[in-house]
């Protein structure tokens, strides 16, 4: 997952889809994603895709 950090990503998690920037991995191994409104979401499980740069 370290290649994901700093990249714009899309996360498809159970019941939700998020787009944002992968910012970190927490102490429990969860991916932290900053979404456009500034909120940081903790992703426990889901499919992560790196978005093409514009």
PDB file of N, CA and C in Angstrom:
ATOM      1  N   UNK A   1       0.800  -1.213   0.000  1.00  0.00           N
ATOM      2  CA  UNK A   1       0.000   0.000   0.000  1.00  0.00           C
ATOM      3  C   UNK A   1       0.834   1.265   0.000  1.00  0.00           C
ATOM      4  N   UNK A   2       2.101   1.198   0.327  1.00  0.00           N
ATOM      5  CA  UNK A   2       2.894   2.419   0.414  1.00  0.00           C
ATOM      6  C   UNK A   2       2.977   3.149  -0.920  1.00  0.00           C
ATOM      7  N   UNK A   3       2.853   2.467  -2.061  1.00  0.00           N
ATOM      8  CA  UNK A   3       2.865   3.150  -3.352  1.00  0.00           C
ATOM      9  C   UNK A   3       1.603   3.980  -3.548  1.00  0.00           C
ATOM     10  N   UNK A   4       0.592   3.734  -2.740  1.00  0.00           N
ATOM     11  CA  UNK A   4      -0.677   4.441  -2.823  1.00  0.00           C
ATOM     12  C   UNK A   4      -0.626   5.795  -2.124  1.00  0.00           C
ATOM     13  N   UNK A   5       0.234   5.943  -1.121  1.00  0.00           N
ATOM     14  CA  UNK A   5       0.263   7.169  -0.324  1.00  0.00           C
ATOM     15  C   UNK A   5       0.586   8.381  -1.188  1.00  0.00           C
ATOM     16  N   UNK A   6      -0.200   9.430  -1.001  1.00  0.00           N
ATOM     17  CA  UNK A   6      -0.029  10.658  -1.760  1.00  0.00           C
ATOM     18  C   UNK A   6      -0.761  10.672  -3.093  1.00  0.00           C
ATOM     19  N   UNK A   7      -1.341   9.547  -3.467  1.00  0.00           N
ATOM     20  CA  UNK A   7      -2.038   9.435  -4.752  1.00  0.00           C
ATOM     21  C   UNK A   7      -3.533   9.686  -4.589  1.00  0.00           C
ATOM     22  N   UNK A   8      -4.148  10.210  -5.669  1.00  0.00           N
ATOM     23  CA  UNK A   8      -5.600  10.301  -5.709  1.00  0.00           C
ATOM     24  C   UNK A   8      -6.125   8.898  -5.969  1.00  0.00           C
ATOM     25  N   UNK A   9      -7.093   8.488  -5.147  1.00  0.00           N
ATOM     26  CA  UNK A   9      -7.597   7.122  -5.241  1.00  0.00           C
ATOM     27  C   UNK A   9      -9.118   7.102  -5.195  1.00  0.00           C
ATOM     28  N   UNK A  10      -9.663   5.960  -5.575  1.00  0.00           N
ATOM     29  CA  UNK A  10     -11.073   5.665  -5.381  1.00  0.00           C
ATOM     30  C   UNK A  10     -11.123   4.406  -4.529  1.00  0.00           C
ATOM     31  N   UNK A  11     -11.967   4.429  -3.509  1.00  0.00           N
ATOM     32  CA  UNK A  11     -12.130   3.278  -2.627  1.00  0.00           C
ATOM     33  C   UNK A  11     -13.566   2.796  -2.738  1.00  0.00           C
ATOM     34  N   UNK A  12     -13.726   1.523  -3.033  1.00  0.00           N
ATOM     35  CA  UNK A  12     -15.051   0.902  -3.010  1.00  0.00           C
ATOM     36  C   UNK A  12     -15.095   0.011  -1.784  1.00  0.00           C
ATOM     37  N   UNK A  13     -15.758   0.521  -0.759  1.00  0.00           N
ATOM     38  CA  UNK A  13     -15.893  -0.200   0.503  1.00  0.00           C
ATOM     39  C   UNK A  13     -17.330  -0.699   0.602  1.00  0.00           C
ATOM     40  N   UNK A  14     -17.582  -1.678   1.466  1.00  0.00           N
ATOM     41  CA  UNK A  14     -18.949  -2.173   1.618  1.00  0.00           C
ATOM     42  C   UNK A  14     -19.922  -1.031   1.943  1.00  0.00           C
ATOM     43  N   UNK A  15     -20.846  -0.771   1.010  1.00  0.00           N
ATOM     44  CA  UNK A  15     -21.867   0.246   1.231  1.00  0.00           C
ATOM     45  C   UNK A  15     -21.477   1.666   0.875  1.00  0.00           C
ATOM     46  N   UNK A  16     -20.229   1.945   0.512  1.00  0.00           N
ATOM     47  CA  UNK A  16     -19.781   3.305   0.212  1.00  0.00           C
ATOM     48  C   UNK A  16     -18.693   3.306  -0.846  1.00  0.00           C
ATOM     49  N   UNK A  17     -18.605   4.419  -1.559  1.00  0.00           N
ATOM     50  CA  UNK A  17     -17.491   4.680  -2.468  1.00  0.00           C
ATOM     51  C   UNK A  17     -16.943   6.049  -2.126  1.00  0.00           C
ATOM     52  N   UNK A  18     -15.622   6.154  -2.005  1.00  0.00           N
ATOM     53  CA  UNK A  18     -14.971   7.417  -1.673  1.00  0.00           C
ATOM     54  C   UNK A  18     -13.920   7.725  -2.715  1.00  0.00           C
ATOM     55  N   UNK A  19     -13.745   9.021  -3.009  1.00  0.00           N
ATOM     56  CA  UNK A  19     -12.610   9.486  -3.796  1.00  0.00           C
ATOM     57  C   UNK A  19     -11.843  10.455  -2.924  1.00  0.00           C
ATOM     58  N   UNK A  20     -10.533  10.395  -2.974  1.00  0.00           N
ATOM     59  CA  UNK A  20      -9.720  11.287  -2.164  1.00  0.00           C
ATOM     60  C   UNK A  20      -8.250  10.975  -2.339  1.00  0.00           C
ATOM     61  N   UNK A  21      -7.454  11.444  -1.381  1.00  0.00           N
ATOM     62  CA  UNK A  21      -6.008  11.243  -1.411  1.00  0.00           C
ATOM     63  C   UNK A  21      -5.614  10.321  -0.263  1.00  0.00           C
ATOM     64  N   UNK A  22      -4.886   9.262  -0.580  1.00  0.00           N
ATOM     65  CA  UNK A  22      -4.373   8.356   0.459  1.00  0.00           C
ATOM     66  C   UNK A  22      -3.291   9.108   1.227  1.00  0.00           C
ATOM     67  N   UNK A  23      -3.500   9.304   2.538  1.00  0.00           N
ATOM     68  CA  UNK A  23      -2.571  10.132   3.307  1.00  0.00           C
ATOM     69  C   UNK A  23      -1.647   9.348   4.223  1.00  0.00           C
ATOM     70  N   UNK A  24      -2.094   8.199   4.721  1.00  0.00           N
ATOM     71  CA  UNK A  24      -1.275   7.474   5.699  1.00  0.00           C
ATOM     72  C   UNK A  24      -1.850   6.086   5.920  1.00  0.00           C
ATOM     73  N   UNK A  25      -1.113   5.296   6.664  1.00  0.00           N
ATOM     74  CA  UNK A  25      -1.578   4.003   7.167  1.00  0.00           C
ATOM     75  C   UNK A  25      -1.470   4.087   8.674  1.00  0.00           C
ATOM     76  N   UNK A  26      -2.577   3.822   9.383  1.00  0.00           N
ATOM     77  CA  UNK A  26      -2.541   3.971  10.841  1.00  0.00           C
ATOM     78  C   UNK A  26      -1.885   2.770  11.516  1.00  0.00           C
ATOM     79  N   UNK A  27      -1.786   2.835  12.844  1.00  0.00           N
ATOM     80  CA  UNK A  27      -1.092   1.797  13.618  1.00  0.00           C
ATOM     81  C   UNK A  27      -1.753   0.426  13.522  1.00  0.00           C
ATOM     82  N   UNK A  28      -3.042   0.401  13.101  1.00  0.00           N
ATOM     83  CA  UNK A  28      -3.740  -0.873  12.942  1.00  0.00           C
ATOM     84  C   UNK A  28      -3.701  -1.387  11.504  1.00  0.00           C
ATOM     85  N   UNK A  29      -3.032  -0.646  10.611  1.00  0.00           N
ATOM     86  CA  UNK A  29      -2.922  -1.069   9.224  1.00  0.00           C
ATOM     87  C   UNK A  29      -4.038  -0.575   8.324  1.00  0.00           C
ATOM     88  N   UNK A  30      -4.887   0.331   8.822  1.00  0.00           N
ATOM     89  CA  UNK A  30      -5.973   0.886   8.019  1.00  0.00           C
ATOM     90  C   UNK A  30      -5.458   2.031   7.151  1.00  0.00           C
ATOM     91  N   UNK A  31      -5.981   2.137   5.952  1.00  0.00           N
ATOM     92  CA  UNK A  31      -5.620   3.218   5.044  1.00  0.00           C
ATOM     93  C   UNK A  31      -6.411   4.465   5.416  1.00  0.00           C
ATOM     94  N   UNK A  32      -5.738   5.604   5.534  1.00  0.00           N
ATOM     95  CA  UNK A  32      -6.397   6.876   5.819  1.00  0.00           C
ATOM     96  C   UNK A  32      -6.506   7.661   4.519  1.00  0.00           C
ATOM     97  N   UNK A  33      -7.728   8.112   4.219  1.00  0.00           N
ATOM     98  CA  UNK A  33      -8.012   8.804   2.968  1.00  0.00           C
ATOM     99  C   UNK A  33      -8.662  10.148   3.276  1.00  0.00           C
ATOM    100  N   UNK A  34      -8.071  11.234   2.753  1.00  0.00           N
ATOM    101  CA  UNK A  34      -8.665  12.566   2.909  1.00  0.00           C
ATOM    102  C   UNK A  34      -9.586  12.799   1.714  1.00  0.00           C
ATOM    103  N   UNK A  35     -10.896  12.946   2.005  1.00  0.00           N
ATOM    104  CA  UNK A  35     -11.870  13.178   0.948  1.00  0.00           C
ATOM    105  C   UNK A  35     -11.983  14.684   0.698  1.00  0.00           C
ATOM    106  N   UNK A  36     -12.633  15.094  -0.405  1.00  0.00           N
ATOM    107  CA  UNK A  36     -12.629  16.506  -0.795  1.00  0.00           C
ATOM    108  C   UNK A  36     -13.114  17.501   0.265  1.00  0.00           C
ATOM    109  N   UNK A  37     -13.993  17.102   1.179  1.00  0.00           N
ATOM    110  CA  UNK A  37     -14.456  18.056   2.201  1.00  0.00           C
ATOM    111  C   UNK A  37     -13.473  18.202   3.361  1.00  0.00           C
ATOM    112  N   UNK A  38     -12.329  17.506   3.280  1.00  0.00           N
ATOM    113  CA  UNK A  38     -11.302  17.599   4.313  1.00  0.00           C
ATOM    114  C   UNK A  38     -11.373  16.526   5.379  1.00  0.00           C
ATOM    115  N   UNK A  39     -12.444  15.752   5.390  1.00  0.00           N
ATOM    116  CA  UNK A  39     -12.600  14.661   6.342  1.00  0.00           C
ATOM    117  C   UNK A  39     -11.617  13.546   6.015  1.00  0.00           C
ATOM    118  N   UNK A  40     -11.055  12.924   7.042  1.00  0.00           N
ATOM    119  CA  UNK A  40     -10.185  11.767   6.841  1.00  0.00           C
ATOM    120  C   UNK A  40     -10.984  10.515   7.186  1.00  0.00           C
ATOM    121  N   UNK A  41     -11.104   9.623   6.219  1.00  0.00           N
ATOM    122  CA  UNK A  41     -11.815   8.357   6.402  1.00  0.00           C
ATOM    123  C   UNK A  41     -10.804   7.253   6.664  1.00  0.00           C
ATOM    124  N   UNK A  42     -11.122   6.379   7.606  1.00  0.00           N
ATOM    125  CA  UNK A  42     -10.301   5.200   7.899  1.00  0.00           C
ATOM    126  C   UNK A  42     -10.903   4.036   7.125  1.00  0.00           C
ATOM    127  N   UNK A  43     -10.128   3.469   6.209  1.00  0.00           N
ATOM    128  CA  UNK A  43     -10.606   2.374   5.370  1.00  0.00           C
ATOM    129  C   UNK A  43     -10.069   1.059   5.935  1.00  0.00           C
ATOM    130  N   UNK A  44     -10.989   0.236   6.428  1.00  0.00           N
ATOM    131  CA  UNK A  44     -10.630  -1.053   7.020  1.00  0.00           C
ATOM    132  C   UNK A  44     -10.597  -2.133   5.938  1.00  0.00           C
ATOM    133  N   UNK A  45     -11.574  -2.093   5.024  1.00  0.00           N
ATOM    134  CA  UNK A  45     -11.651  -3.084   3.948  1.00  0.00           C
ATOM    135  C   UNK A  45     -12.271  -2.429   2.729  1.00  0.00           C
ATOM    136  N   UNK A  46     -11.801  -2.797   1.554  1.00  0.00           N
ATOM    137  CA  UNK A  46     -12.356  -2.257   0.324  1.00  0.00           C
ATOM    138  C   UNK A  46     -11.381  -2.424  -0.822  1.00  0.00           C
ATOM    139  N   UNK A  47     -11.851  -2.112  -2.027  1.00  0.00           N
ATOM    140  CA  UNK A  47     -11.016  -2.148  -3.225  1.00  0.00           C
ATOM    141  C   UNK A  47     -10.504  -0.743  -3.485  1.00  0.00           C
ATOM    142  N   UNK A  48      -9.202  -0.598  -3.659  1.00  0.00           N
ATOM    143  CA  UNK A  48      -8.579   0.708  -3.873  1.00  0.00           C
ATOM    144  C   UNK A  48      -8.025   0.766  -5.289  1.00  0.00           C
ATOM    145  N   UNK A  49      -8.375   1.838  -6.005  1.00  0.00           N
ATOM    146  CA  UNK A  49      -7.849   2.076  -7.352  1.00  0.00           C
ATOM    147  C   UNK A  49      -7.172   3.435  -7.371  1.00  0.00           C
ATOM    148  N   UNK A  50      -5.979   3.508  -7.955  1.00  0.00           N
ATOM    149  CA  UNK A  50      -5.308   4.793  -8.131  1.00  0.00           C
ATOM    150  C   UNK A  50      -5.952   5.481  -9.326  1.00  0.00           C
ATOM    151  N   UNK A  51      -6.345   6.751  -9.129  1.00  0.00           N
ATOM    152  CA  UNK A  51      -6.992   7.530 -10.182  1.00  0.00           C
ATOM    153  C   UNK A  51      -5.936   8.115 -11.107  1.00  0.00           C
ATOM    154  N   UNK A  52      -6.219   8.166 -12.403  1.00  0.00           N
ATOM    155  CA  UNK A  52      -5.263   8.782 -13.331  1.00  0.00           C
ATOM    156  C   UNK A  52      -5.065  10.257 -12.991  1.00  0.00           C
ATOM    157  N   UNK A  53      -3.837  10.736 -13.103  1.00  0.00           N
ATOM    158  CA  UNK A  53      -3.564  12.164 -12.865  1.00  0.00           C
ATOM    159  C   UNK A  53      -4.122  12.973 -14.025  1.00  0.00           C
ATOM    160  N   UNK A  54      -4.688  14.128 -13.676  1.00  0.00           N
ATOM    161  CA  UNK A  54      -5.287  15.000 -14.703  1.00  0.00           C
ATOM    162  C   UNK A  54      -4.291  16.009 -15.179  1.00  0.00           C
TER     163      UNK A  54
END
